[in-house]
Structures are given as structure tokens and as C-alpha cells.
Amino acid sequence: TGSIASGDTACGFANTAMVLAERRFIPKVFAAVDRVISAVRSLAAVEAGAIGPHKDCGYEGIYVKAITGIPIAMEGRSSAVAHPSPVGNIAACAADLWSNESVQHIKLLGGYAPVVSMEQLAYDCRLMNGASGRGPDTARLLRDLHADSDSALDPQAYVLRPDVVVAIAKQIVADTHGPFSRSKTAARAAVEALRDGLAAGQLNLDSRETDWLDRIEDQLDQIPEDEEAFIRAMIDETEKLNPAHYDLV
């Protein structure tokens, strides 16, 4: 393809936000918006020739699949041994591969942790394969149960609902002005989806979280249309960044 082989996910950005939100350092709605923006970054790899499966810890993979159709690996409840997350069930909605992440080699009552974790993973896969084997209706029922069991409880899960993903993905694809513009489109669409979910009673948010939706929108309004102008402004605010390392000077 003429491209340099590299990673295909932006999970380092969105997953950092997820962990910070779990520790209450940042709002959950901020992490949710960050997750949707990361879909644009991961999409760039597919546009450059990546064929998947998309990496398991990139929960934004469902967006990439909705847009490109490539297979995706996902992780969720079976990876709780590695880290907590609010998306343990909903992550399975469109998974082609199911992963259990990193597991320490320690002794548990049931055996060594990797063996125990593999057993849990196997049961998950049996359930999903069994549902698929019974036909599309049963597979969709399991998908919807996975989605509904998580999506109302956390905005980071809500933006992974298949119906929400498809709606936002359409807006991302419709934006043909490049990744920078697409990222802003994705962010605005995520905020709109969270507001709609809240209004419809499909998402539970406390007042501190809803206040941040307004603040995020205000910040988006302040981002210039010109990408180079935005980069210059951000460089001035990042003391530890060496622009030369990223061909920015």
C-alpha cells in the first residue's frame, strides 16, 4: 500500500481517559466523547491499508467496523482481571474476536490465573457462538441484551450502543474535510447523542456530568476551522512537547 506498518488503534488516548474517569479525575462524558473522537484516529489506519482485526482494547473498533466492515477484536467483562471498565457487556455487541487482555501468572483457588481467565473467556465465546448458531434473531437478541445491560449506566457505554454508533458513523463519513474536521464532527455528534439519550430516559447522568456537556460544546465552538492554527495554539500550551519530534516545526 506504500504505507508504513504500525498500530491500528487510538486506544492509548481514549483508554487513558476511561481510566481517569474511573478515578474521578475527569468527567465520564468527557471520556465518552474522547472515545468517539478516537474512532477517527483508528479509521486512518484502515484508510491507509490496515485490514484488521482491529485491536481488542480499542473499544472504538465498533465505529471502524460500522464504517469499513473490517473484523474487530474486542474485550470486556472477561478482561476485568486486567482493568475495570464500564463497558464489559456492550463491548461484545459486534465482536468478531473476544479477548481477555493481560493476565498475571498468579495462583488462585481455581488454578493459575491465566487458566482461570481462559475458562471464563471460553464460556463467553460458547455463549456468543451458540446465539449466532441459532440464527440472526437470537444473535440480535444477545446483542441487544449486551447493549441494554450497560448503556444506561455510563455515557462511555452509551456511545457504544450499535444504534448510536451507526448514527454517529454516518456523520463521520459524511464529513469529507479530513481527520481534523471529522474529529470535531465526531465530538459534536457524541454530545448530541448523549443529550438525546438523557432526554429519552435511556441514559442516567448526574448534574455534574450534564453540566460538562455544555462545557464541552463551548470548547468545541472555540476550536478554529484551520488545523494548522489549532496545532500552533496547542503547541504553545504544551510545555513538555517537543514539536520537532513530530515534524511540527
Protein backbone atom coordinates (compact mmCIF):
# COMPACT_ATOMS: atom_id res chain seq x y z
CA THR A 1 0.00 0.00 0.00
CA GLY A 2 3.00 2.29 0.28
CA SER A 3 2.23 2.84 3.96
CA ILE A 4 4.45 2.19 6.97
CA ALA A 5 3.18 -0.68 9.12
CA SER A 6 2.14 0.47 12.59
CA GLY A 7 -0.65 0.18 15.13
CA ASP A 8 -4.28 0.45 14.12
CA THR A 9 -5.93 1.87 17.23
CA ALA A 10 -6.06 5.07 19.23
CA CYS A 11 -6.76 3.22 22.45
CA GLY A 12 -3.90 4.96 24.24
CA PHE A 13 -5.89 8.19 24.17
CA ALA A 14 -9.41 7.02 24.89
CA ASN A 15 -8.41 4.32 27.38
CA THR A 16 -6.36 6.82 29.36
CA ALA A 17 -9.48 8.97 29.55
CA MET A 18 -11.52 5.92 30.62
CA VAL A 19 -9.13 5.18 33.49
CA LEU A 20 -9.05 8.83 34.57
CA ALA A 21 -12.85 8.93 34.54
CA GLU A 22 -12.97 5.75 36.64
CA ARG A 23 -10.78 7.51 39.20
CA ARG A 24 -12.97 10.63 39.01
CA PHE A 25 -10.16 12.80 37.68
CA ILE A 26 -12.21 13.77 34.62
CA PRO A 27 -15.94 13.57 33.77
CA LYS A 28 -17.31 10.38 32.25
CA VAL A 29 -18.93 12.36 29.44
CA PHE A 30 -15.51 13.73 28.52
CA ALA A 31 -14.16 10.19 28.27
CA ALA A 32 -17.19 9.18 26.19
CA VAL A 33 -16.62 12.00 23.71
CA ASP A 34 -12.92 11.15 23.62
CA ARG A 35 -13.83 7.55 22.72
CA VAL A 36 -15.87 8.65 19.73
CA ILE A 37 -13.14 11.02 18.55
CA SER A 38 -10.67 8.14 18.73
CA ALA A 39 -12.68 6.33 16.07
CA VAL A 40 -11.42 8.89 13.57
CA ARG A 41 -7.82 8.18 14.54
CA SER A 42 -8.30 4.42 14.26
CA LEU A 43 -10.12 4.84 10.96
CA ALA A 44 -6.99 6.43 9.50
CA ALA A 45 -5.18 3.09 9.74
CA VAL A 46 -7.84 1.32 7.68
CA GLU A 47 -7.79 4.10 5.12
CA ALA A 48 -4.02 3.54 4.85
CA GLY A 49 -4.46 -0.18 4.19
CA ALA A 50 -4.99 -1.96 7.52
CA ILE A 51 -7.37 -4.89 7.15
CA GLY A 52 -7.99 -5.89 10.77
CA PRO A 53 -8.89 -7.41 13.07
CA HIS A 54 -8.96 -4.09 14.89
CA LYS A 55 -7.20 -4.30 18.27
CA ASP A 56 -9.25 -5.54 21.23
CA CYS A 57 -8.58 -2.70 23.67
CA GLY A 58 -9.72 -0.13 21.12
CA TYR A 59 -13.38 -0.04 22.12
CA GLU A 60 -13.95 2.42 19.29
CA GLY A 61 -13.48 -0.55 16.95
CA ILE A 62 -17.24 -0.86 16.59
CA TYR A 63 -17.21 2.51 14.79
CA VAL A 64 -14.46 1.34 12.48
CA LYS A 65 -16.44 -1.82 11.74
CA ALA A 66 -19.63 0.15 11.10
CA ILE A 67 -17.81 2.34 8.59
CA THR A 68 -15.45 -0.12 6.89
CA GLY A 69 -16.77 -3.60 7.63
CA ILE A 70 -13.40 -4.95 8.82
CA PRO A 71 -13.43 -7.57 11.60
CA ILE A 72 -12.74 -6.34 15.12
CA ALA A 73 -11.34 -7.91 18.26
CA MET A 74 -12.94 -6.68 21.48
CA GLU A 75 -12.56 -7.20 25.20
CA GLY A 76 -14.96 -6.62 28.06
CA ARG A 77 -16.10 -8.47 31.16
CA SER A 78 -13.57 -11.24 30.58
CA SER A 79 -10.75 -8.70 30.84
CA ALA A 80 -11.77 -7.42 34.28
CA VAL A 81 -8.70 -9.23 35.58
CA ALA A 82 -6.61 -6.60 33.77
CA HIS A 83 -8.60 -3.42 34.38
CA PRO A 84 -12.08 -2.20 35.35
CA SER A 85 -14.33 -0.68 32.71
CA PRO A 86 -17.95 0.44 32.34
CA VAL A 87 -18.37 -1.39 29.02
CA GLY A 88 -17.94 -5.05 29.98
CA ASN A 89 -21.05 -6.35 28.22
CA ILE A 90 -21.70 -3.81 25.49
CA ALA A 91 -18.22 -4.34 24.08
CA ALA A 92 -19.37 -7.76 22.89
CA CYS A 93 -22.16 -6.43 20.66
CA ALA A 94 -20.24 -6.59 17.39
CA ALA A 95 -17.13 -8.54 18.33
CA ASP A 96 -15.62 -10.95 15.81
CA LEU A 97 -12.90 -11.99 18.27
CA TRP A 98 -13.19 -11.91 22.07
CA SER A 99 -10.15 -11.31 24.25
CA ASN A 100 -9.23 -11.46 27.93
CA GLU A 101 -6.37 -8.92 27.88
CA SER A 102 -3.32 -9.34 30.15
CA VAL A 103 -3.42 -11.86 33.00
CA GLN A 104 -0.82 -12.13 35.75
CA HIS A 105 0.61 -15.59 36.40
CA ILE A 106 -0.59 -15.97 39.97
CA LYS A 107 -2.20 -18.84 41.88
CA LEU A 108 -5.93 -18.66 42.56
CA LEU A 109 -8.23 -21.17 44.23
CA GLY A 110 -9.34 -22.41 40.82
CA GLY A 111 -5.82 -22.69 39.45
CA TYR A 112 -3.34 -20.31 37.88
CA ALA A 113 -4.93 -17.04 36.79
CA PRO A 114 -4.30 -17.42 33.02
CA VAL A 115 -6.04 -20.82 33.08
CA VAL A 116 -8.98 -19.47 35.07
CA SER A 117 -9.28 -16.46 32.77
CA MET A 118 -9.17 -18.67 29.69
CA GLU A 119 -12.04 -20.73 31.08
CA GLN A 120 -14.13 -17.58 31.55
CA LEU A 121 -13.26 -16.49 28.03
CA ALA A 122 -14.24 -19.87 26.61
CA TYR A 123 -17.67 -19.72 28.24
CA ASP A 124 -18.25 -16.25 26.79
CA CYS A 125 -17.32 -17.48 23.33
CA ARG A 126 -19.55 -20.55 23.64
CA LEU A 127 -22.48 -18.31 24.52
CA MET A 128 -21.92 -15.93 21.62
CA ASN A 129 -21.29 -18.72 19.12
CA GLY A 130 -24.36 -20.55 20.40
CA ALA A 131 -26.52 -17.47 19.87
CA SER A 132 -25.16 -16.99 16.35
CA GLY A 133 -25.75 -20.65 15.61
CA ARG A 134 -29.45 -20.27 16.35
CA GLY A 135 -29.85 -17.64 13.68
CA PRO A 136 -29.93 -13.85 13.27
CA ASP A 137 -32.86 -13.25 15.61
CA THR A 138 -31.16 -14.95 18.56
CA ALA A 139 -27.84 -13.29 17.77
CA ARG A 140 -29.53 -9.89 17.73
CA LEU A 141 -31.31 -10.65 20.99
CA LEU A 142 -27.99 -11.39 22.70
CA ARG A 143 -26.51 -8.27 21.12
CA ASP A 144 -29.35 -6.15 22.48
CA LEU A 145 -29.05 -7.68 25.95
CA HIS A 146 -25.34 -6.90 25.94
CA ALA A 147 -26.11 -3.31 24.95
CA ASP A 148 -29.06 -2.67 27.25
CA SER A 149 -27.33 -4.08 30.33
CA ASP A 150 -24.61 -1.39 30.18
CA SER A 151 -25.72 1.55 28.08
CA ALA A 152 -27.97 3.36 30.56
CA LEU A 153 -25.41 3.24 33.35
CA ASP A 154 -22.47 5.12 31.84
CA PRO A 155 -22.05 7.55 28.92
CA GLN A 156 -18.96 5.64 27.80
CA ALA A 157 -21.16 2.59 27.30
CA TYR A 158 -23.98 4.58 25.72
CA VAL A 159 -21.81 5.78 22.83
CA LEU A 160 -21.05 2.11 22.04
CA ARG A 161 -24.70 1.19 21.50
CA PRO A 162 -24.97 -0.19 17.95
CA ASP A 163 -27.79 2.20 17.04
CA VAL A 164 -25.86 5.18 18.40
CA VAL A 165 -22.70 4.01 16.65
CA VAL A 166 -24.40 3.76 13.26
CA ALA A 167 -25.96 7.22 13.63
CA ILE A 168 -22.66 8.86 14.58
CA ALA A 169 -20.69 6.87 11.99
CA LYS A 170 -22.91 8.30 9.25
CA GLN A 171 -21.97 11.82 10.35
CA ILE A 172 -18.27 10.96 10.43
CA VAL A 173 -18.40 9.51 6.91
CA ALA A 174 -20.38 12.49 5.62
CA ASP A 175 -17.57 14.82 6.69
CA THR A 176 -15.11 14.77 3.80
CA HIS A 177 -12.82 17.55 5.06
CA GLY A 178 -10.16 15.38 6.68
CA PRO A 179 -9.43 13.89 10.12
CA PHE A 180 -9.34 17.21 11.96
CA SER A 181 -12.80 18.19 10.80
CA ARG A 182 -14.05 14.65 11.29
CA SER A 183 -12.83 14.69 14.88
CA LYS A 184 -14.86 17.80 15.61
CA THR A 185 -17.86 16.28 13.87
CA ALA A 186 -17.48 13.11 15.94
CA ALA A 187 -17.26 15.09 19.17
CA ARG A 188 -20.35 17.15 18.41
CA ALA A 189 -22.27 14.05 17.37
CA ALA A 190 -21.28 12.32 20.61
CA VAL A 191 -22.51 15.23 22.72
CA GLU A 192 -25.77 15.31 20.76
CA ALA A 193 -26.25 11.56 21.21
CA LEU A 194 -25.68 11.82 24.96
CA ARG A 195 -28.19 14.64 25.21
CA ASP A 196 -30.73 12.63 23.21
CA GLY A 197 -30.19 9.57 25.40
CA LEU A 198 -30.64 11.64 28.52
CA ALA A 199 -33.82 13.26 27.21
CA ALA A 200 -35.27 9.89 26.19
CA GLY A 201 -34.60 8.37 29.60
CA GLN A 202 -32.13 5.90 28.10
CA LEU A 203 -29.11 7.30 29.93
CA ASN A 204 -28.62 8.19 33.58
CA LEU A 205 -26.36 11.18 34.28
CA ASP A 206 -26.00 13.29 37.38
CA SER A 207 -25.99 17.08 37.21
CA ARG A 208 -22.20 17.31 37.36
CA GLU A 209 -21.93 15.22 34.21
CA THR A 210 -24.67 17.06 32.32
CA ASP A 211 -23.03 20.41 33.12
CA TRP A 212 -19.92 19.17 31.35
CA LEU A 213 -21.84 18.61 28.13
CA ASP A 214 -22.31 22.38 27.90
CA ARG A 215 -18.65 22.99 28.66
CA ILE A 216 -17.52 20.52 26.02
CA GLU A 217 -19.74 22.17 23.42
CA ASP A 218 -18.36 25.58 24.37
CA GLN A 219 -14.82 24.30 23.90
CA LEU A 220 -15.68 22.80 20.52
CA ASP A 221 -17.06 26.16 19.42
CA GLN A 222 -13.70 27.74 20.24
CA ILE A 223 -11.66 25.34 18.11
CA PRO A 224 -10.67 27.10 14.88
CA GLU A 225 -11.56 25.69 11.48
CA ASP A 226 -7.92 25.86 10.40
CA GLU A 227 -5.99 22.79 11.57
CA GLU A 228 -2.59 24.47 11.43
CA ALA A 229 -3.84 27.35 13.57
CA PHE A 230 -5.15 24.86 16.12
CA ILE A 231 -1.83 22.99 16.21
CA ARG A 232 0.09 26.22 16.77
CA ALA A 233 -2.23 27.17 19.62
CA MET A 234 -1.86 23.76 21.26
CA ILE A 235 1.94 23.78 20.95
CA ASP A 236 2.03 26.98 22.97
CA GLU A 237 0.09 25.25 25.77
CA THR A 238 2.13 22.03 25.97
CA GLU A 239 5.36 22.60 27.86
CA LYS A 240 6.65 19.01 27.60
CA LEU A 241 6.03 18.57 23.88
CA ASN A 242 8.98 18.79 21.52
CA PRO A 243 7.37 19.72 18.18
CA ALA A 244 10.47 18.65 16.25
CA HIS A 245 9.85 15.03 17.25
CA TYR A 246 6.53 15.13 15.38
CA ASP A 247 7.57 17.12 12.29
CA LEU A 248 5.57 20.09 13.55
CA VAL A 249 8.33 22.65 13.01
